[in-house]
Protein backbone atom coordinates (compact mmCIF):
# COMPACT_ATOMS: atom_id res chain seq x y z
CA MET A 1 -38.80 -19.70 32.89
CA GLY A 2 -35.54 -19.68 30.76
CA TYR A 3 -34.79 -17.37 27.70
CA SER A 4 -36.29 -17.33 24.26
CA VAL A 5 -34.24 -18.01 21.17
CA GLY A 6 -34.51 -14.30 20.39
CA GLN A 7 -33.32 -13.29 23.73
CA VAL A 8 -30.27 -15.55 23.69
CA ALA A 9 -29.31 -14.50 20.10
CA ALA A 10 -29.55 -10.89 21.26
CA PHE A 11 -27.22 -11.05 24.29
CA ALA A 12 -24.87 -13.78 22.80
CA GLY A 13 -24.20 -11.84 19.55
CA VAL A 14 -25.41 -14.57 17.22
CA THR A 15 -28.31 -14.97 14.87
CA VAL A 16 -31.52 -16.84 15.73
CA ARG A 17 -30.78 -18.77 12.55
CA THR A 18 -27.60 -19.94 14.03
CA LEU A 19 -29.03 -21.13 17.12
CA HIS A 20 -31.78 -23.02 15.26
CA HIS A 21 -28.95 -24.69 13.18
CA TYR A 22 -27.24 -25.70 16.42
CA ASP A 23 -30.50 -27.18 17.62
CA ARG A 24 -31.08 -29.09 14.48
CA THR A 25 -27.74 -30.59 14.60
CA GLY A 26 -27.92 -31.41 18.26
CA LEU A 27 -25.05 -29.22 19.05
CA LEU A 28 -27.13 -27.05 21.41
CA SER A 29 -30.84 -27.94 22.11
CA PRO A 30 -32.76 -25.94 24.56
CA GLY A 31 -33.55 -28.16 27.73
CA GLU A 32 -36.37 -26.18 28.98
CA ARG A 33 -40.14 -25.47 28.04
CA SER A 34 -42.38 -22.60 28.59
CA PRO A 35 -45.98 -23.07 29.86
CA ALA A 36 -47.00 -22.84 26.26
CA GLY A 37 -44.59 -25.48 25.10
CA TYR A 38 -41.83 -23.26 23.54
CA ARG A 39 -38.42 -24.16 23.87
CA ARG A 40 -36.39 -22.14 26.27
CA TYR A 41 -32.62 -21.85 27.03
CA GLY A 42 -31.70 -22.54 30.71
CA ASP A 43 -28.50 -21.76 32.70
CA ALA A 44 -26.95 -25.01 31.67
CA ASP A 45 -27.72 -24.30 27.95
CA LEU A 46 -26.12 -20.86 28.18
CA ALA A 47 -23.06 -22.27 29.77
CA ARG A 48 -22.75 -24.91 26.77
CA LEU A 49 -23.28 -21.84 24.24
CA GLN A 50 -20.50 -19.99 25.78
CA GLN A 51 -18.18 -23.11 25.21
CA ILE A 52 -19.39 -23.49 21.79
CA LEU A 53 -18.72 -19.71 20.83
CA PHE A 54 -15.22 -19.99 22.63
CA TYR A 55 -14.35 -22.97 20.47
CA ARG A 56 -15.79 -21.19 17.29
CA GLU A 57 -13.83 -17.94 17.77
CA LEU A 58 -10.75 -20.22 17.98
CA GLY A 59 -11.87 -21.45 14.43
CA PHE A 60 -12.84 -25.09 15.61
CA PRO A 61 -15.31 -26.74 13.12
CA LEU A 62 -18.73 -27.49 14.53
CA ASP A 63 -18.13 -31.38 14.30
CA GLU A 64 -15.26 -31.22 16.35
CA ILE A 65 -16.84 -28.99 18.77
CA ALA A 66 -19.54 -31.41 19.21
CA ALA A 67 -17.02 -34.26 19.91
CA ILE A 68 -15.27 -32.20 22.47
CA LEU A 69 -18.63 -31.35 24.36
CA ARG A 70 -19.97 -34.85 23.83
CA ASP A 71 -17.14 -36.55 25.54
CA PRO A 72 -16.51 -35.74 29.08
CA HIS A 73 -12.95 -37.35 28.79
CA ALA A 74 -12.15 -35.60 25.71
CA ASP A 75 -8.58 -34.11 25.59
CA ALA A 76 -9.81 -30.47 25.45
CA LEU A 77 -6.30 -29.30 26.14
CA GLY A 78 -4.67 -31.29 23.19
CA HIS A 79 -7.32 -29.93 20.91
CA LEU A 80 -6.56 -26.35 22.19
CA ARG A 81 -2.84 -26.93 21.60
CA GLU A 82 -3.34 -28.22 18.17
CA ARG A 83 -5.60 -25.15 17.34
CA GLN A 84 -2.84 -22.95 18.79
CA ARG A 85 -0.34 -24.46 16.47
CA LEU A 86 -2.79 -24.10 13.37
CA LEU A 87 -3.49 -20.42 14.37
CA ARG A 88 0.09 -19.57 14.59
CA GLU A 89 0.75 -21.24 11.11
CA GLU A 90 -2.27 -19.15 9.87
CA ILE A 91 -0.99 -15.96 11.35
CA ALA A 92 2.46 -16.59 9.62
CA ARG A 93 0.82 -17.13 6.48
CA LEU A 94 -1.32 -13.91 6.75
CA GLU A 95 1.71 -11.98 7.72
CA ARG A 96 3.36 -13.21 4.57
CA LEU A 97 0.33 -12.10 2.56
CA ALA A 98 0.22 -8.81 4.18
CA GLU A 99 3.84 -8.21 3.25
CA VAL A 100 3.03 -9.27 -0.39
CA ALA A 101 0.11 -6.82 -0.44
CA GLU A 102 2.29 -4.15 0.95
CA GLN A 103 4.68 -4.44 -1.71
CA ALA A 104 1.99 -4.67 -4.15
CA ILE A 105 0.57 -1.30 -2.92
CA GLU A 106 3.92 0.18 -2.92
CA VAL A 107 4.48 -0.95 -6.65
CA GLN A 108 1.19 0.49 -7.63
CA ARG A 109 1.97 3.83 -5.80
CA THR A 110 5.68 4.40 -6.66
CA GLY A 111 6.09 1.91 -9.78
CA VAL A 112 9.18 0.49 -8.20
CA ARG A 113 9.28 -3.46 -8.27
CA LEU A 114 12.30 -3.85 -5.83
CA SER A 115 12.62 -5.57 -2.30
CA PRO A 116 13.41 -3.09 0.51
CA GLU A 117 16.95 -4.31 0.55
CA GLU A 118 17.41 -3.68 -3.23
CA ARG A 119 15.80 -0.25 -2.85
CA PHE A 120 18.29 0.74 -0.26
CA GLU A 121 21.13 -0.50 -2.39
CA VAL A 122 19.92 1.23 -5.63
CA PHE A 123 18.35 4.43 -4.25
CA GLY A 124 20.55 5.12 -1.12
CA GLU A 125 19.18 8.43 0.37
CA ILE A 126 16.38 8.83 -2.24
CA SER A 127 13.25 7.43 -0.50
CA PHE A 128 9.63 7.19 -1.69
CA ASP A 129 7.12 8.93 0.57
CA LEU A 130 3.95 6.76 0.17
CA SER A 131 1.65 9.74 1.23
CA TYR A 132 3.10 11.61 -1.62
CA ALA A 133 2.81 8.79 -4.01
CA THR A 134 -0.82 8.13 -3.02
CA GLU A 135 -1.71 11.85 -3.50
CA ALA A 136 -0.01 11.73 -6.85
CA GLN A 137 -1.87 8.72 -8.07
CA LEU A 138 -5.14 10.24 -6.97
CA LYS A 139 -4.19 13.63 -8.67
CA TRP A 140 -2.88 12.06 -11.96
CA ARG A 141 -4.90 8.80 -12.25
CA ASP A 142 -6.69 9.97 -15.32
CA SER A 143 -3.46 10.97 -17.07
CA ALA A 144 -2.44 8.49 -19.74
CA ALA A 145 1.10 9.86 -19.26
CA TYR A 146 1.09 9.12 -15.41
CA ARG A 147 -0.26 5.69 -16.12
CA GLU A 148 2.39 4.87 -18.78
CA ALA A 149 5.29 6.23 -16.39
CA MET A 150 4.02 3.94 -13.57
CA ALA A 151 3.88 1.04 -16.05
CA ARG A 152 7.38 1.65 -17.29
CA ALA A 153 8.74 2.08 -13.84
CA ALA A 154 7.28 -1.14 -12.75
CA GLY A 155 8.87 -2.76 -15.74
CA HIS A 156 12.22 -1.56 -14.91
CA SER A 157 14.89 -4.25 -13.82
CA LYS A 158 17.16 -3.82 -10.97
CA GLU A 159 19.99 -3.04 -13.43
CA ASP A 160 17.70 -0.42 -15.17
CA TRP A 161 17.29 1.31 -11.84
CA ARG A 162 20.94 1.26 -11.29
CA ARG A 163 21.62 3.00 -14.54
CA LEU A 164 18.67 5.46 -13.93
CA MET A 165 20.01 6.38 -10.63
CA ALA A 166 23.61 6.72 -11.79
CA GLU A 167 22.33 9.12 -14.45
CA ALA A 168 20.25 10.96 -12.01
CA ALA A 169 23.22 11.28 -9.60
CA ALA A 170 25.57 12.63 -12.40
CA TRP A 171 23.01 15.26 -13.34
CA ARG A 172 22.45 16.30 -9.81
CA ALA A 173 26.14 16.73 -9.24
CA ASP A 174 26.13 19.19 -12.30
CA LEU A 175 23.04 20.93 -11.01
CA LEU A 176 24.64 21.42 -7.64
CA ALA A 177 27.74 22.81 -9.17
CA ALA A 178 25.79 25.24 -11.35
CA PHE A 179 23.88 26.42 -8.42
CA ASP A 180 26.74 26.83 -6.05
CA ALA A 181 28.56 28.83 -8.87
CA GLY A 182 25.76 31.27 -8.94
CA GLU A 183 24.68 30.37 -12.47
CA PRO A 184 21.34 32.08 -13.18
CA ALA A 185 18.24 29.83 -13.25
CA ASP A 186 17.39 31.18 -16.60
CA GLY A 187 20.87 31.06 -18.02
CA GLU A 188 22.18 28.66 -20.60
CA ARG A 189 23.91 26.39 -18.26
CA ALA A 190 20.78 25.82 -16.00
CA MET A 191 18.40 25.58 -19.06
CA ASP A 192 20.46 22.86 -20.55
CA LEU A 193 20.44 21.01 -17.12
CA ALA A 194 16.53 21.49 -17.21
CA GLU A 195 16.51 19.96 -20.70
CA GLU A 196 18.65 16.86 -19.44
CA HIS A 197 16.17 16.31 -16.75
CA ARG A 198 13.29 16.61 -19.32
CA ARG A 199 15.08 14.03 -21.59
CA HIS A 200 15.78 11.90 -18.52
CA LEU A 201 12.12 11.58 -17.74
CA ALA A 202 11.15 10.93 -21.46
CA ARG A 203 13.84 8.38 -21.67
CA TRP A 204 12.92 6.41 -18.62
CA PHE A 205 9.30 7.13 -17.89
CA THR A 206 6.94 8.88 -20.20
CA PRO A 207 7.24 11.62 -23.07
CA CYS A 208 7.63 14.98 -21.40
CA PRO A 209 6.62 17.93 -23.63
CA PRO A 210 7.14 21.49 -22.26
CA ASP A 211 3.70 21.85 -20.59
CA THR A 212 4.20 18.47 -18.82
CA HIS A 213 7.73 19.59 -17.68
CA ARG A 214 6.31 22.81 -16.27
CA ARG A 215 3.82 20.94 -14.01
CA VAL A 216 6.62 18.84 -12.84
CA ALA A 217 8.52 21.88 -12.05
CA ASP A 218 5.64 23.39 -10.24
CA ASP A 219 5.24 20.26 -8.15
CA LEU A 220 9.06 20.17 -7.40
CA ALA A 221 8.82 23.91 -6.05
CA ALA A 222 5.65 23.52 -3.96
CA ASP A 223 6.03 20.07 -2.43
CA PRO A 224 9.28 19.15 -0.47
CA ARG A 225 8.35 15.27 -0.84
CA ALA A 226 8.52 15.80 -4.58
CA PHE A 227 11.84 17.58 -4.64
CA ALA A 228 13.43 14.91 -2.21
CA LEU A 229 12.99 12.38 -4.97
CA LEU A 230 15.26 14.75 -7.17
CA VAL A 231 17.57 15.87 -4.57
CA PRO A 232 18.00 14.19 -1.08
CA PRO A 233 17.67 16.41 1.80
CA SER A 234 21.37 16.15 2.79
CA GLN A 235 22.20 17.71 -0.49
CA GLN A 236 19.71 20.36 -0.71
CA ARG A 237 20.30 24.16 -0.37
CA PRO A 238 17.95 26.98 0.29
CA GLY A 239 16.38 28.25 -2.85
CA LEU A 240 17.44 25.15 -4.82
CA ALA A 241 13.85 23.82 -5.51
CA ALA A 242 12.77 27.29 -6.86
CA TYR A 243 15.97 27.38 -8.82
CA VAL A 244 15.33 24.15 -10.63
CA SER A 245 11.62 25.21 -11.14
CA LYS A 246 12.66 28.51 -12.72
CA ALA A 247 15.20 26.59 -15.02
CA ILE A 248 12.68 24.18 -16.24
CA HIS A 249 10.00 26.83 -17.04
CA ALA A 250 12.86 28.91 -18.90
CA ASN A 251 13.86 25.87 -20.82
CA ALA A 252 10.06 25.20 -21.79
CA ALA A 253 9.94 28.64 -23.06
CA ARG A 254 13.01 28.26 -24.95
CA ARG A 255 11.91 24.99 -26.42
CA GLU A 256 8.72 26.31 -27.51
CA ALA A 257 10.37 29.40 -29.15
CA ALA A 258 12.52 27.05 -31.10
CA GLY A 259 9.81 24.76 -32.30
CA PRO A 260 9.42 21.03 -31.77
CA GLU A 261 12.56 18.86 -32.60
CA PRO A 262 12.07 16.29 -35.42
CA GLU A 263 11.48 13.28 -32.94
CA GLU A 264 8.82 15.17 -31.21
CA GLN A 265 6.77 15.94 -34.45
CA PRO A 266 3.50 14.11 -34.75
């Protein structure tokens, strides 16, 4: 009795429209008829369909599949080898595109437009946790200041990042010296370091008024991934994140009490 077009479409995982197209083009025309005169697919037709789907899965165009199936002496192995070569080229192309996409995603999340080798050279131990960067993007995506910071970061050259990181390293050395010397977090030296950090953010990323700096401080104290961007794990001390946060809050209060500096006035 054979199988109807609907039945074949269901178990072959193709559409009825596809089978009708194969029939119209002569690629696969059902060879049997039902008592009522309807076309039915027999075992030979199903075997041919299986070949067609195999070649289609490999990306062969329909006219090439038709030529292979039409000529019993066709060099199927040669066709397959050529298809294998093309597929490998396509895989290599897609892998390159995937790398470009990955870099683009990382730029969007971290604001750093450097190659992995340049990142290692410039940032050393400081690494960007993409899970944290993604959460930050979702958390601050409606913030104009965040968008400005990401845009400016993405625009920094390699030399800009060298200068920025050298500045950060010098600040970090002073911070560790103050912390190790037992300077109080709300003392003059610690607050001055907090002010340097605030100015560093404003200079390289986005204006950082006291309220913004307080939010930064809270993030540094609450999330080790954020603090690792400031102080790499090998240089961290117990209580250092809380110390930095407290110093920033103390400096923010000091600045508010003193009033805005001339350059920060509207």
